[in-house]
């Protein structure tokens, strides 16, 4: 069975991107959220923009 990346419906704070990524990688969503915030704050990469793009592109998980 092929795994797919979805935005989480149950484990969401804002858009469900980090929760969905955590489900896909089988890790704690808090860890993904902390890494995303650190990535956004401590690098020159536009983390907020990447989050919004992922929010738009990644489909919501089926119920």
Protein backbone atom coordinates (compact mmCIF):
# COMPACT_ATOMS: atom_id res chain seq x y z
CA UNK A 1 0.00 0.00 0.00
CA UNK A 2 1.34 3.41 -0.95
CA UNK A 3 1.53 6.04 1.78
CA UNK A 4 0.35 9.56 0.95
CA UNK A 5 0.96 12.86 2.64
CA UNK A 6 -2.21 14.56 3.87
CA UNK A 7 -2.95 17.53 6.09
CA UNK A 8 -4.20 16.26 9.43
CA UNK A 9 -7.81 16.82 10.44
CA UNK A 10 -7.44 15.55 14.02
CA UNK A 11 -3.97 16.83 14.91
CA UNK A 12 -4.01 20.39 13.68
CA UNK A 13 -2.99 23.68 15.21
CA UNK A 14 -3.32 25.93 12.20
CA UNK A 15 -3.57 24.18 8.85
CA UNK A 16 -2.67 20.60 9.72
CA UNK A 17 0.55 20.59 7.69
CA UNK A 18 2.88 19.68 10.57
CA UNK A 19 0.40 17.14 11.96
CA UNK A 20 0.10 15.48 8.57
CA UNK A 21 3.86 15.45 8.10
CA UNK A 22 4.25 13.89 11.55
CA UNK A 23 1.70 11.19 10.69
CA UNK A 24 3.54 10.49 7.44
CA UNK A 25 6.92 10.19 9.19
CA UNK A 26 5.53 8.41 12.30
CA UNK A 27 6.93 10.97 14.74
CA UNK A 28 5.45 13.26 17.37
CA UNK A 29 3.74 16.32 15.86
CA UNK A 30 5.30 18.57 18.51
CA UNK A 31 8.75 17.64 17.24
CA UNK A 32 7.81 18.59 13.67
CA UNK A 33 6.31 21.88 14.87
CA UNK A 34 9.43 22.75 16.87
CA UNK A 35 11.69 21.89 13.95
CA UNK A 36 9.55 23.99 11.61
CA UNK A 37 9.70 27.00 13.95
CA UNK A 38 13.47 26.60 14.38
CA UNK A 39 13.87 26.32 10.61
CA UNK A 40 11.81 29.46 10.12
CA UNK A 41 13.58 31.52 12.79
CA UNK A 42 17.20 30.45 12.37
CA UNK A 43 17.59 30.16 8.62
CA UNK A 44 17.18 32.48 5.73
CA UNK A 45 14.55 30.23 4.19
CA UNK A 46 11.00 31.59 4.15
CA UNK A 47 9.43 29.00 6.45
CA UNK A 48 6.11 30.78 6.76
CA UNK A 49 5.77 31.01 3.00
CA UNK A 50 6.62 27.30 2.64
CA UNK A 51 3.97 26.47 5.25
CA UNK A 52 1.30 28.42 3.36
CA UNK A 53 2.29 26.77 0.08
CA UNK A 54 2.11 23.33 1.72
CA UNK A 55 -1.27 24.28 3.21
CA UNK A 56 -2.54 25.00 -0.30
CA UNK A 57 -0.92 22.06 -2.11
CA UNK A 58 -1.23 19.14 0.34
CA UNK A 59 -4.77 17.71 0.37
CA UNK A 60 -6.73 17.24 3.58
CA UNK A 61 -6.95 13.65 4.80
CA UNK A 62 -10.16 11.81 3.93
CA UNK A 63 -12.52 11.25 6.83
